[in-house]
Amino acid sequence: MQVLLYRPSFERVRDALAERRVEAVVLEHQGHLARADGSPWPEARPTVAWFSRELMTTPGAPTGKFLKAVHGGSVEWVQSAAAGYEHPVFQGLLDAGIRLSSSDGNSDGIAEYVLAEVLACFQRIDDRRAAQAAKRWERVAFREVAGSRWVILGYGSIGREVARRATAFGAEVVGIRRRPQPDEHARRVVGPDAVSDEVAEADVIVVSAAANPDSRHLINADVLARMRSDAVLVNVARGALLDEVALRASLDAGRPAWALLDVFETEPLPEDDPLWVHPKVRISAHCSGEGDGVSARGARVFLEHLDAWLAGNALRLEVAAEGRHSHP
């Protein structure tokens, strides 16, 4: 069997593929297909393709050549390095009848990002540094995570990793997902109909749900109005889940206390967007998953799924038919 993958990604799993007696069809940075030794292989017919993180994020990577090869007619399954699959590229794969699986390799890094950003607010890190800069011997009281209540909208792999860390600090977690089922890190997991009631009691609201037409502006004016004035809102999902106009109005009206935003409806966020300078907003450039372990974890997910594929077993993170939706 032949597997299509980008040269930097191939080098990460070269030995593992050899152990499995799988032939690598290597996409070189220049855009042509080659064997492992670098010799040209234009007639290759891969069955499997790994849309790796290196291919998605390396400047100048031959992503277009990769997609052309994938749609060439022989590829049956694509392993993605992304957690989401709402982008037209992925929808196009599904529409073409190509099986698609996502990755949870970024969950640990995103969870650490969430804890770091929330702790920075609770601990009033900015105030401490300001006191230091002014050489003021000033005691800064802070808010403890222990005993706080966290509501996680989208209780999948990212949500569970956030919950694992928050509960380790002594927080109480309520998860919200379309198909609720008990989880050891949550006091309870409930359905989306409970969003308004649950956010009203929350110290921290984390948005980590999948983006789809049904979840657009999941956090809207009505939900924002239910939040407490001291609540912290975190969005590490997709910008489309949060009504940014309603958020600005709600922040100006006094709730929530903070909005910690890693994703936006328009990316990059335009320089003239008022969110940049809002005193209650903390912004990062869609980088919550940029932990230094993400590529290694992504490779492990790929190999896990490859083993399942070779054995004829189910792929743990395969995108079901319901993941396919219309797009412009």
C-alpha atoms as a PDB file:
ATOM      1  CA  MET A   1       0.000   0.000   0.000  1.00  0.00           C
ATOM      2  CA  GLN A   2       1.174   3.532  -0.809  1.00  0.00           C
ATOM      3  CA  VAL A   3       0.844   6.506   1.564  1.00  0.00           C
ATOM      4  CA  LEU A   4       1.154  10.091   0.374  1.00  0.00           C
ATOM      5  CA  LEU A   5       2.874  12.498   2.758  1.00  0.00           C
ATOM      6  CA  TYR A   6       4.969  15.665   2.774  1.00  0.00           C
ATOM      7  CA  ARG A   7       8.754  15.190   3.030  1.00  0.00           C
ATOM      8  CA  PRO A   8       9.193  16.742   6.530  1.00  0.00           C
ATOM      9  CA  SER A   9       6.295  14.636   7.831  1.00  0.00           C
ATOM     10  CA  PHE A  10       7.679  11.514   6.169  1.00  0.00           C
ATOM     11  CA  GLU A  11      10.996  11.937   7.961  1.00  0.00           C
ATOM     12  CA  ARG A  12       9.093  11.965  11.255  1.00  0.00           C
ATOM     13  CA  VAL A  13       7.510   8.547  10.589  1.00  0.00           C
ATOM     14  CA  ARG A  14       9.999   6.988   8.160  1.00  0.00           C
ATOM     15  CA  ASP A  15      10.963   4.095  10.446  1.00  0.00           C
ATOM     16  CA  ALA A  16       7.377   3.465  11.532  1.00  0.00           C
ATOM     17  CA  LEU A  17       6.241   3.124   7.905  1.00  0.00           C
ATOM     18  CA  ALA A  18       9.109   0.751   7.147  1.00  0.00           C
ATOM     19  CA  GLU A  19       8.078  -1.431  10.082  1.00  0.00           C
ATOM     20  CA  ARG A  20       4.565  -1.607   8.636  1.00  0.00           C
ATOM     21  CA  ARG A  21       5.899  -2.349   5.123  1.00  0.00           C
ATOM     22  CA  VAL A  22       4.079   0.652   3.730  1.00  0.00           C
ATOM     23  CA  GLU A  23       5.452   2.465   0.681  1.00  0.00           C
ATOM     24  CA  ALA A  24       5.851   6.219   1.105  1.00  0.00           C
ATOM     25  CA  VAL A  25       4.880   8.509  -1.756  1.00  0.00           C
ATOM     26  CA  VAL A  26       6.787  11.606  -0.743  1.00  0.00           C
ATOM     27  CA  LEU A  27       5.608  15.044  -1.773  1.00  0.00           C
ATOM     28  CA  GLU A  28       8.733  17.163  -2.054  1.00  0.00           C
ATOM     29  CA  HIS A  29       8.706  20.846  -1.137  1.00  0.00           C
ATOM     30  CA  GLN A  30       9.112  21.669  -4.841  1.00  0.00           C
ATOM     31  CA  GLY A  31       5.758  19.967  -5.489  1.00  0.00           C
ATOM     32  CA  HIS A  32       6.668  16.697  -7.234  1.00  0.00           C
ATOM     33  CA  LEU A  33       6.141  13.123  -6.055  1.00  0.00           C
ATOM     34  CA  ALA A  34       9.128  10.967  -5.168  1.00  0.00           C
ATOM     35  CA  ARG A  35      10.147   7.742  -3.512  1.00  0.00           C
ATOM     36  CA  ALA A  36      11.723   7.738  -0.075  1.00  0.00           C
ATOM     37  CA  ASP A  37      15.180   8.005  -1.634  1.00  0.00           C
ATOM     38  CA  GLY A  38      14.188  11.132  -3.570  1.00  0.00           C
ATOM     39  CA  SER A  39      13.885   9.542  -7.009  1.00  0.00           C
ATOM     40  CA  PRO A  40      10.872  10.857  -9.007  1.00  0.00           C
ATOM     41  CA  TRP A  41       7.674   8.807  -8.852  1.00  0.00           C
ATOM     42  CA  PRO A  42       5.069  10.582 -10.997  1.00  0.00           C
ATOM     43  CA  GLU A  43       3.075   7.380 -11.574  1.00  0.00           C
ATOM     44  CA  ALA A  44       2.509   6.707  -7.844  1.00  0.00           C
ATOM     45  CA  ARG A  45      -1.034   5.720  -6.846  1.00  0.00           C
ATOM     46  CA  PRO A  46      -1.401   6.293  -3.093  1.00  0.00           C
ATOM     47  CA  THR A  47      -4.389   4.885  -1.233  1.00  0.00           C
ATOM     48  CA  VAL A  48      -3.869   6.908   1.949  1.00  0.00           C
ATOM     49  CA  ALA A  49      -2.755  10.522   2.468  1.00  0.00           C
ATOM     50  CA  TRP A  50      -1.602  12.383   5.577  1.00  0.00           C
ATOM     51  CA  PHE A  51      -2.533  16.070   5.534  1.00  0.00           C
ATOM     52  CA  SER A  52       0.017  16.814   8.228  1.00  0.00           C
ATOM     53  CA  ARG A  53       0.642  19.878  10.346  1.00  0.00           C
ATOM     54  CA  GLU A  54       3.904  20.571   8.510  1.00  0.00           C
ATOM     55  CA  LEU A  55       1.983  20.645   5.230  1.00  0.00           C
ATOM     56  CA  MET A  56      -0.646  22.970   6.692  1.00  0.00           C
ATOM     57  CA  THR A  57       1.704  25.445   8.378  1.00  0.00           C
ATOM     58  CA  THR A  58       5.066  25.481   6.566  1.00  0.00           C
ATOM     59  CA  PRO A  59       5.454  28.675   4.504  1.00  0.00           C
ATOM     60  CA  GLY A  60       5.401  27.816   0.818  1.00  0.00           C
ATOM     61  CA  ALA A  61       4.392  24.200   1.405  1.00  0.00           C
ATOM     62  CA  PRO A  62       2.901  22.568  -1.730  1.00  0.00           C
ATOM     63  CA  THR A  63      -0.601  22.224  -0.305  1.00  0.00           C
ATOM     64  CA  GLY A  64      -2.240  22.690  -3.699  1.00  0.00           C
ATOM     65  CA  LYS A  65      -0.118  19.907  -5.226  1.00  0.00           C
ATOM     66  CA  PHE A  66      -1.042  17.666  -2.301  1.00  0.00           C
ATOM     67  CA  LEU A  67      -4.771  18.247  -2.816  1.00  0.00           C
ATOM     68  CA  LYS A  68      -4.410  17.673  -6.559  1.00  0.00           C
ATOM     69  CA  ALA A  69      -2.745  14.329  -5.858  1.00  0.00           C
ATOM     70  CA  VAL A  70      -5.417  13.431  -3.300  1.00  0.00           C
ATOM     71  CA  HIS A  71      -8.193  14.118  -5.802  1.00  0.00           C
ATOM     72  CA  GLY A  72      -6.341  12.170  -8.493  1.00  0.00           C
ATOM     73  CA  GLY A  73      -8.598   9.156  -8.041  1.00  0.00           C
ATOM     74  CA  SER A  74      -6.625   6.634  -5.999  1.00  0.00           C
ATOM     75  CA  VAL A  75      -6.801   8.072  -2.460  1.00  0.00           C
ATOM     76  CA  GLU A  76      -9.503   6.508  -0.294  1.00  0.00           C
ATOM     77  CA  TRP A  77      -8.719   8.046   3.093  1.00  0.00           C
ATOM     78  CA  VAL A  78      -7.090  11.273   4.309  1.00  0.00           C
ATOM     79  CA  GLN A  79      -5.777  11.774   7.830  1.00  0.00           C
ATOM     80  CA  SER A  80      -5.945  15.446   8.794  1.00  0.00           C
ATOM     81  CA  ALA A  81      -3.829  17.199  11.413  1.00  0.00           C
ATOM     82  CA  ALA A  82      -6.736  19.505  12.258  1.00  0.00           C
ATOM     83  CA  ALA A  83      -9.409  18.994  14.887  1.00  0.00           C
ATOM     84  CA  GLY A  84     -12.080  20.762  12.832  1.00  0.00           C
ATOM     85  CA  TYR A  85     -13.397  19.836   9.412  1.00  0.00           C
ATOM     86  CA  GLU A  86     -15.718  22.687   8.471  1.00  0.00           C
ATOM     87  CA  HIS A  87     -13.232  24.221   6.010  1.00  0.00           C
ATOM     88  CA  PRO A  88     -14.232  23.801   2.330  1.00  0.00           C
ATOM     89  CA  VAL A  89     -11.036  21.793   1.710  1.00  0.00           C
ATOM     90  CA  PHE A  90     -12.229  19.071   4.071  1.00  0.00           C
ATOM     91  CA  GLN A  91     -15.824  19.305   2.938  1.00  0.00           C
ATOM     92  CA  GLY A  92     -14.548  18.834  -0.603  1.00  0.00           C
ATOM     93  CA  LEU A  93     -12.867  15.588   0.392  1.00  0.00           C
ATOM     94  CA  LEU A  94     -16.077  14.300   1.931  1.00  0.00           C
ATOM     95  CA  ASP A  95     -18.095  15.407  -1.078  1.00  0.00           C
ATOM     96  CA  ALA A  96     -15.675  13.440  -3.285  1.00  0.00           C
ATOM     97  CA  GLY A  97     -16.375  10.294  -1.264  1.00  0.00           C
ATOM     98  CA  ILE A  98     -12.944  10.274   0.373  1.00  0.00           C
ATOM     99  CA  ARG A  99     -12.934   9.166   3.997  1.00  0.00           C
ATOM    100  CA  LEU A 100     -11.578  11.737   6.436  1.00  0.00           C
ATOM    101  CA  SER A 101     -10.311  11.504   9.994  1.00  0.00           C
ATOM    102  CA  SER A 102      -9.423  14.402  12.267  1.00  0.00           C
ATOM    103  CA  SER A 103      -6.779  14.671  14.986  1.00  0.00           C
ATOM    104  CA  ASP A 104      -6.801  15.358  18.709  1.00  0.00           C
ATOM    105  CA  GLY A 105      -3.061  15.980  18.756  1.00  0.00           C
ATOM    106  CA  ASN A 106      -3.568  19.660  19.583  1.00  0.00           C
ATOM    107  CA  SER A 107      -5.874  19.076  22.569  1.00  0.00           C
ATOM    108  CA  ASP A 108      -3.156  19.098  25.220  1.00  0.00           C
ATOM    109  CA  GLY A 109      -1.618  22.357  24.011  1.00  0.00           C
ATOM    110  CA  ILE A 110      -4.983  24.094  23.718  1.00  0.00           C
ATOM    111  CA  ALA A 111      -5.943  22.962  27.210  1.00  0.00           C
ATOM    112  CA  GLU A 112      -2.705  24.368  28.620  1.00  0.00           C
ATOM    113  CA  TYR A 113      -3.356  27.641  26.781  1.00  0.00           C
ATOM    114  CA  VAL A 114      -6.821  27.881  28.350  1.00  0.00           C
ATOM    115  CA  LEU A 115      -5.497  27.278  31.851  1.00  0.00           C
ATOM    116  CA  ALA A 116      -2.669  29.769  31.365  1.00  0.00           C
ATOM    117  CA  GLU A 117      -4.954  32.528  30.106  1.00  0.00           C
ATOM    118  CA  VAL A 118      -7.595  31.987  32.783  1.00  0.00           C
ATOM    119  CA  LEU A 119      -4.965  31.857  35.515  1.00  0.00           C
ATOM    120  CA  ALA A 120      -3.446  35.103  34.229  1.00  0.00           C
ATOM    121  CA  CYS A 121      -6.836  36.771  34.735  1.00  0.00           C
ATOM    122  CA  PHE A 122      -7.607  35.128  38.071  1.00  0.00           C
ATOM    123  CA  GLN A 123      -4.105  35.828  39.396  1.00  0.00           C
ATOM    124  CA  ARG A 124      -4.101  39.423  38.075  1.00  0.00           C
ATOM    125  CA  ILE A 125      -0.707  38.968  36.480  1.00  0.00           C
ATOM    126  CA  ASP A 126      -0.930  42.316  34.648  1.00  0.00           C
ATOM    127  CA  ASP A 127      -1.427  44.136  37.965  1.00  0.00           C
ATOM    128  CA  ARG A 128       1.579  42.395  39.500  1.00  0.00           C
ATOM    129  CA  ARG A 129       3.815  43.309  36.597  1.00  0.00           C
ATOM    130  CA  ALA A 130       2.545  46.889  36.624  1.00  0.00           C
ATOM    131  CA  ALA A 131       3.408  47.158  40.334  1.00  0.00           C
ATOM    132  CA  GLN A 132       6.867  45.773  39.634  1.00  0.00           C
ATOM    133  CA  ALA A 133       7.440  48.200  36.764  1.00  0.00           C
ATOM    134  CA  ALA A 134       6.443  51.106  39.017  1.00  0.00           C
ATOM    135  CA  LYS A 135       8.546  49.721  41.919  1.00  0.00           C
ATOM    136  CA  ARG A 136       5.468  49.643  44.131  1.00  0.00           C
ATOM    137  CA  TRP A 137       5.496  47.188  47.050  1.00  0.00           C
ATOM    138  CA  GLU A 138       1.856  46.297  46.552  1.00  0.00           C
ATOM    139  CA  ARG A 139      -0.051  43.216  47.630  1.00  0.00           C
ATOM    140  CA  VAL A 140      -2.268  41.946  44.817  1.00  0.00           C
ATOM    141  CA  ALA A 141      -5.169  39.769  45.944  1.00  0.00           C
ATOM    142  CA  PHE A 142      -6.260  37.121  43.471  1.00  0.00           C
ATOM    143  CA  ARG A 143      -9.078  34.756  42.637  1.00  0.00           C
ATOM    144  CA  GLU A 144      -8.599  31.013  43.111  1.00  0.00           C
ATOM    145  CA  VAL A 145      -9.528  28.352  40.613  1.00  0.00           C
ATOM    146  CA  ALA A 146     -10.312  25.994  43.506  1.00  0.00           C
ATOM    147  CA  GLY A 147     -14.052  26.069  44.028  1.00  0.00           C
ATOM    148  CA  SER A 148     -14.766  27.852  40.734  1.00  0.00           C
ATOM    149  CA  ARG A 149     -17.348  26.558  38.270  1.00  0.00           C
ATOM    150  CA  TRP A 150     -16.365  25.950  34.644  1.00  0.00           C
ATOM    151  CA  VAL A 151     -18.802  25.360  31.787  1.00  0.00           C
ATOM    152  CA  ILE A 152     -17.247  23.843  28.680  1.00  0.00           C
ATOM    153  CA  LEU A 153     -19.298  24.181  25.490  1.00  0.00           C
ATOM    154  CA  GLY A 154     -18.157  21.406  23.208  1.00  0.00           C
ATOM    155  CA  TYR A 155     -17.066  18.562  25.444  1.00  0.00           C
ATOM    156  CA  GLY A 156     -14.920  16.649  22.985  1.00  0.00           C
ATOM    157  CA  SER A 157     -11.212  15.889  23.180  1.00  0.00           C
ATOM    158  CA  ILE A 158     -10.230  19.529  23.766  1.00  0.00           C
ATOM    159  CA  GLY A 159     -12.995  20.082  26.290  1.00  0.00           C
ATOM    160  CA  ARG A 160     -12.050  16.957  28.236  1.00  0.00           C
ATOM    161  CA  GLU A 161      -8.382  17.993  28.409  1.00  0.00           C
ATOM    162  CA  VAL A 162      -9.412  21.427  29.704  1.00  0.00           C
ATOM    163  CA  ALA A 163     -11.640  19.716  32.265  1.00  0.00           C
ATOM    164  CA  ARG A 164      -8.847  17.374  33.331  1.00  0.00           C
ATOM    165  CA  ARG A 165      -6.600  20.325  34.162  1.00  0.00           C
ATOM    166  CA  ALA A 166      -9.292  22.524  35.700  1.00  0.00           C
ATOM    167  CA  THR A 167     -10.464  19.781  38.045  1.00  0.00           C
ATOM    168  CA  ALA A 168      -6.845  19.158  39.069  1.00  0.00           C
ATOM    169  CA  PHE A 169      -6.922  22.757  40.360  1.00  0.00           C
ATOM    170  CA  GLY A 170     -10.128  22.037  42.275  1.00  0.00           C
ATOM    171  CA  ALA A 171     -12.684  23.465  39.827  1.00  0.00           C
ATOM    172  CA  GLU A 172     -16.133  21.999  39.209  1.00  0.00           C
ATOM    173  CA  VAL A 173     -16.823  21.310  35.544  1.00  0.00           C
ATOM    174  CA  VAL A 174     -20.041  21.018  33.581  1.00  0.00           C
ATOM    175  CA  GLY A 175     -19.665  19.792  30.006  1.00  0.00           C
ATOM    176  CA  ILE A 176     -22.099  20.570  27.213  1.00  0.00           C
ATOM    177  CA  ARG A 177     -22.302  18.447  24.071  1.00  0.00           C
ATOM    178  CA  ARG A 178     -24.858  17.265  21.540  1.00  0.00           C
ATOM    179  CA  ARG A 179     -24.819  13.711  22.839  1.00  0.00           C
ATOM    180  CA  PRO A 180     -24.275  13.918  26.598  1.00  0.00           C
ATOM    181  CA  GLN A 181     -22.536  11.057  28.331  1.00  0.00           C
ATOM    182  CA  PRO A 182     -20.845  10.882  31.740  1.00  0.00           C
ATOM    183  CA  ASP A 183     -17.165  11.747  32.019  1.00  0.00           C
ATOM    184  CA  GLU A 184     -14.839  11.363  34.986  1.00  0.00           C
ATOM    185  CA  HIS A 185     -13.623  14.968  34.798  1.00  0.00           C
ATOM    186  CA  ALA A 186     -17.069  16.601  34.771  1.00  0.00           C
ATOM    187  CA  ARG A 187     -19.633  16.801  37.511  1.00  0.00           C
ATOM    188  CA  ARG A 188     -22.169  16.288  34.757  1.00  0.00           C
ATOM    189  CA  VAL A 189     -22.438  16.500  30.966  1.00  0.00           C
ATOM    190  CA  VAL A 190     -25.632  17.981  29.565  1.00  0.00           C
ATOM    191  CA  GLY A 191     -27.159  18.828  26.203  1.00  0.00           C
ATOM    192  CA  PRO A 192     -27.053  22.161  24.342  1.00  0.00           C
ATOM    193  CA  ASP A 193     -30.515  23.136  25.557  1.00  0.00           C
ATOM    194  CA  ALA A 194     -28.900  23.838  28.933  1.00  0.00           C
ATOM    195  CA  VAL A 195     -26.453  26.478  27.674  1.00  0.00           C
ATOM    196  CA  SER A 196     -28.324  29.535  28.959  1.00  0.00           C
ATOM    197  CA  ASP A 197     -28.938  28.073  32.406  1.00  0.00           C
ATOM    198  CA  GLU A 198     -25.414  26.752  32.859  1.00  0.00           C
ATOM    199  CA  VAL A 199     -23.538  29.895  31.789  1.00  0.00           C
ATOM    200  CA  ALA A 200     -25.537  31.905  34.325  1.00  0.00           C
ATOM    201  CA  GLU A 201     -23.751  30.035  37.141  1.00  0.00           C
ATOM    202  CA  ALA A 202     -20.295  29.853  35.601  1.00  0.00           C
ATOM    203  CA  ASP A 203     -17.062  31.517  36.651  1.00  0.00           C
ATOM    204  CA  VAL A 204     -15.407  30.380  33.404  1.00  0.00           C
ATOM    205  CA  ILE A 205     -17.053  29.584  30.065  1.00  0.00           C
ATOM    206  CA  VAL A 206     -14.834  27.769  27.552  1.00  0.00           C
ATOM    207  CA  VAL A 207     -15.986  27.463  23.933  1.00  0.00           C
ATOM    208  CA  SER A 208     -14.423  24.430  22.249  1.00  0.00           C
ATOM    209  CA  ALA A 209     -17.312  23.206  20.093  1.00  0.00           C
ATOM    210  CA  ALA A 210     -17.148  22.239  16.423  1.00  0.00           C
ATOM    211  CA  ALA A 211     -18.148  24.872  13.894  1.00  0.00           C
ATOM    212  CA  ASN A 212     -21.109  24.085  11.684  1.00  0.00           C
ATOM    213  CA  PRO A 213     -24.208  25.929  10.455  1.00  0.00           C
ATOM    214  CA  ASP A 214     -26.099  25.010  13.641  1.00  0.00           C
ATOM    215  CA  SER A 215     -23.431  26.385  15.972  1.00  0.00           C
ATOM    216  CA  ARG A 216     -22.951  29.779  14.317  1.00  0.00           C
ATOM    217  CA  HIS A 217     -23.197  32.500  16.984  1.00  0.00           C
ATOM    218  CA  LEU A 218     -23.804  29.920  19.662  1.00  0.00           C
ATOM    219  CA  ILE A 219     -22.621  32.664  22.015  1.00  0.00           C
ATOM    220  CA  ASN A 220     -25.055  35.425  21.121  1.00  0.00           C
ATOM    221  CA  ALA A 221     -26.526  38.447  22.874  1.00  0.00           C
ATOM    222  CA  ASP A 222     -29.004  36.347  24.849  1.00  0.00           C
ATOM    223  CA  VAL A 223     -26.320  33.971  26.152  1.00  0.00           C
ATOM    224  CA  LEU A 224     -23.958  36.843  26.934  1.00  0.00           C
ATOM    225  CA  ALA A 225     -26.699  38.578  28.897  1.00  0.00           C
ATOM    226  CA  ARG A 226     -26.952  35.498  31.109  1.00  0.00           C
ATOM    227  CA  MET A 227     -23.269  35.580  32.076  1.00  0.00           C
ATOM    228  CA  ARG A 228     -22.124  36.914  35.408  1.00  0.00           C
ATOM    229  CA  SER A 229     -20.291  40.222  35.599  1.00  0.00           C
ATOM    230  CA  ASP A 230     -17.199  38.439  36.968  1.00  0.00           C
ATOM    231  CA  ALA A 231     -17.217  35.576  34.449  1.00  0.00           C
ATOM    232  CA  VAL A 232     -14.339  34.805  32.085  1.00  0.00           C
ATOM    233  CA  LEU A 233     -15.185  33.772  28.516  1.00  0.00           C
ATOM    234  CA  VAL A 234     -12.627  31.819  26.460  1.00  0.00           C
ATOM    235  CA  ASN A 235     -12.997  30.964  22.763  1.00  0.00           C
ATOM    236  CA  VAL A 236     -10.571  28.386  21.338  1.00  0.00           C
ATOM    237  CA  ALA A 237     -13.033  26.883  18.835  1.00  0.00           C
ATOM    238  CA  ARG A 238     -13.853  29.011  15.795  1.00  0.00           C
ATOM    239  CA  GLY A 239     -14.693  32.688  15.526  1.00  0.00           C
ATOM    240  CA  ALA A 240     -18.067  31.937  13.967  1.00  0.00           C
ATOM    241  CA  LEU A 241     -19.342  30.533  17.258  1.00  0.00           C
ATOM    242  CA  LEU A 242     -19.193  33.960  18.917  1.00  0.00           C
ATOM    243  CA  ASP A 243     -21.170  37.045  17.862  1.00  0.00           C
ATOM    244  CA  GLU A 244     -18.360  39.601  18.148  1.00  0.00           C
ATOM    245  CA  VAL A 245     -20.649  42.631  17.795  1.00  0.00           C
ATOM    246  CA  ALA A 246     -22.829  41.339  20.622  1.00  0.00           C
ATOM    247  CA  LEU A 247     -19.719  40.578  22.673  1.00  0.00           C
ATOM    248  CA  ARG A 248     -18.441  44.151  22.465  1.00  0.00           C
ATOM    249  CA  ALA A 249     -21.829  45.497  23.504  1.00  0.00           C
ATOM    250  CA  SER A 250     -22.057  43.045  26.371  1.00  0.00           C
ATOM    251  CA  LEU A 251     -18.534  43.809  27.611  1.00  0.00           C
ATOM    252  CA  ASP A 252     -19.342  47.522  27.551  1.00  0.00           C
ATOM    253  CA  ALA A 253     -22.479  46.773  29.553  1.00  0.00           C
ATOM    254  CA  GLY A 254     -20.421  44.991  32.220  1.00  0.00           C
ATOM    255  CA  ARG A 255     -20.431  41.284  31.411  1.00  0.00           C
ATOM    256  CA  PRO A 256     -18.421  39.129  31.240  1.00  0.00           C
ATOM    257  CA  ALA A 257     -15.372  40.462  33.068  1.00  0.00           C
ATOM    258  CA  TRP A 258     -12.959  39.160  30.429  1.00  0.00           C
ATOM    259  CA  ALA A 259     -13.021  37.712  26.930  1.00  0.00           C
ATOM    260  CA  LEU A 260      -9.955  35.616  26.072  1.00  0.00           C
ATOM    261  CA  LEU A 261     -10.043  35.142  22.323  1.00  0.00           C
ATOM    262  CA  ASP A 262      -7.782  32.992  20.160  1.00  0.00           C
ATOM    263  CA  VAL A 263     -10.120  32.794  17.141  1.00  0.00           C
ATOM    264  CA  PHE A 264     -12.145  35.329  15.194  1.00  0.00           C
ATOM    265  CA  GLU A 265     -14.736  35.513  12.438  1.00  0.00           C
ATOM    266  CA  THR A 266     -12.181  37.297  10.230  1.00  0.00           C
ATOM    267  CA  GLU A 267      -8.571  36.135  10.431  1.00  0.00           C
ATOM    268  CA  PRO A 268      -6.139  37.765  10.620  1.00  0.00           C
ATOM    269  CA  LEU A 269      -8.095  40.175  12.807  1.00  0.00           C
ATOM    270  CA  PRO A 270      -8.145  43.526  10.957  1.00  0.00           C
ATOM    271  CA  GLU A 271      -5.952  46.218  12.483  1.00  0.00           C
ATOM    272  CA  ASP A 272      -8.922  48.552  12.866  1.00  0.00           C
ATOM    273  CA  ASP A 273     -11.057  46.028  14.745  1.00  0.00           C
ATOM    274  CA  PRO A 274     -12.033  47.519  18.132  1.00  0.00           C
ATOM    275  CA  LEU A 275     -11.386  44.205  19.886  1.00  0.00           C
ATOM    276  CA  TRP A 276      -7.636  44.892  19.654  1.00  0.00           C
ATOM    277  CA  VAL A 277      -7.854  47.764  22.123  1.00  0.00           C
ATOM    278  CA  HIS A 278     -10.809  46.751  24.270  1.00  0.00           C
ATOM    279  CA  PRO A 279      -9.656  46.785  27.925  1.00  0.00           C
ATOM    280  CA  LYS A 280     -11.532  43.575  28.743  1.00  0.00           C
ATOM    281  CA  VAL A 281     -10.267  41.534  25.802  1.00  0.00           C
ATOM    282  CA  ARG A 282      -7.096  39.467  25.528  1.00  0.00           C
ATOM    283  CA  ILE A 283      -6.151  38.421  21.983  1.00  0.00           C
ATOM    284  CA  SER A 284      -3.893  35.764  20.496  1.00  0.00           C
ATOM    285  CA  ALA A 285      -3.452  34.903  16.824  1.00  0.00           C
ATOM    286  CA  HIS A 286      -5.164  31.497  16.548  1.00  0.00           C
ATOM    287  CA  CYS A 287      -2.160  29.878  18.213  1.00  0.00           C
ATOM    288  CA  SER A 288      -3.619  28.031  21.189  1.00  0.00           C
ATOM    289  CA  GLY A 289      -2.581  24.745  19.578  1.00  0.00           C
ATOM    290  CA  GLU A 290       1.020  25.775  18.913  1.00  0.00           C
ATOM    291  CA  GLY A 291       2.551  23.709  21.716  1.00  0.00           C
ATOM    292  CA  ASP A 292       5.908  22.103  21.002  1.00  0.00           C
ATOM    293  CA  GLY A 293       4.458  18.595  21.324  1.00  0.00           C
ATOM    294  CA  VAL A 294       1.677  18.940  18.772  1.00  0.00           C
ATOM    295  CA  SER A 295       3.547  17.523  15.760  1.00  0.00           C
ATOM    296  CA  ALA A 296       4.678  14.420  17.638  1.00  0.00           C
ATOM    297  CA  ARG A 297       1.160  13.800  18.955  1.00  0.00           C
ATOM    298  CA  GLY A 298      -0.251  14.300  15.452  1.00  0.00           C
ATOM    299  CA  ALA A 299       2.139  11.674  14.117  1.00  0.00           C
ATOM    300  CA  ARG A 300       0.973   9.243  16.797  1.00  0.00           C
ATOM    301  CA  VAL A 301      -2.664   9.795  15.780  1.00  0.00           C
ATOM    302  CA  PHE A 302      -1.767   9.190  12.130  1.00  0.00           C
ATOM    303  CA  LEU A 303       0.017   5.927  12.958  1.00  0.00           C
ATOM    304  CA  GLU A 304      -2.814   4.820  15.248  1.00  0.00           C
ATOM    305  CA  HIS A 305      -5.317   5.335  12.439  1.00  0.00           C
ATOM    306  CA  LEU A 306      -2.981   3.779   9.866  1.00  0.00           C
ATOM    307  CA  ASP A 307      -2.769   0.624  11.986  1.00  0.00           C
ATOM    308  CA  ALA A 308      -6.570   0.554  12.228  1.00  0.00           C
ATOM    309  CA  TRP A 309      -6.849   1.034   8.442  1.00  0.00           C
ATOM    310  CA  LEU A 310      -4.400  -1.778   7.720  1.00  0.00           C
ATOM    311  CA  ALA A 311      -6.305  -4.071  10.094  1.00  0.00           C
ATOM    312  CA  GLY A 312      -9.679  -3.139   8.624  1.00  0.00           C
ATOM    313  CA  ASN A 313     -10.851  -1.594  11.885  1.00  0.00           C
ATOM    314  CA  ALA A 314     -12.756   1.609  12.598  1.00  0.00           C
ATOM    315  CA  LEU A 315     -10.841   4.885  12.724  1.00  0.00           C
ATOM    316  CA  ARG A 316     -11.268   6.453  16.163  1.00  0.00           C
ATOM    317  CA  LEU A 317     -11.611  10.009  14.860  1.00  0.00           C
ATOM    318  CA  GLU A 318     -13.254   9.436  11.498  1.00  0.00           C
ATOM    319  CA  VAL A 319     -15.579  12.232  10.428  1.00  0.00           C
ATOM    320  CA  ALA A 320     -19.010  10.676  10.077  1.00  0.00           C
ATOM    321  CA  ALA A 321     -21.365  11.438   7.217  1.00  0.00           C
ATOM    322  CA  GLU A 322     -23.094  13.991   9.442  1.00  0.00           C
ATOM    323  CA  GLY A 323     -19.870  16.006   9.415  1.00  0.00           C
ATOM    324  CA  ARG A 324     -20.561  16.847   5.802  1.00  0.00           C
ATOM    325  CA  HIS A 325     -22.472  20.064   5.287  1.00  0.00           C
ATOM    326  CA  SER A 326     -23.064  22.506   2.503  1.00  0.00           C
ATOM    327  CA  HIS A 327     -20.717  25.436   2.001  1.00  0.00           C
ATOM    328  CA  PRO A 328     -20.533  28.411  -0.330  1.00  0.00           C
END
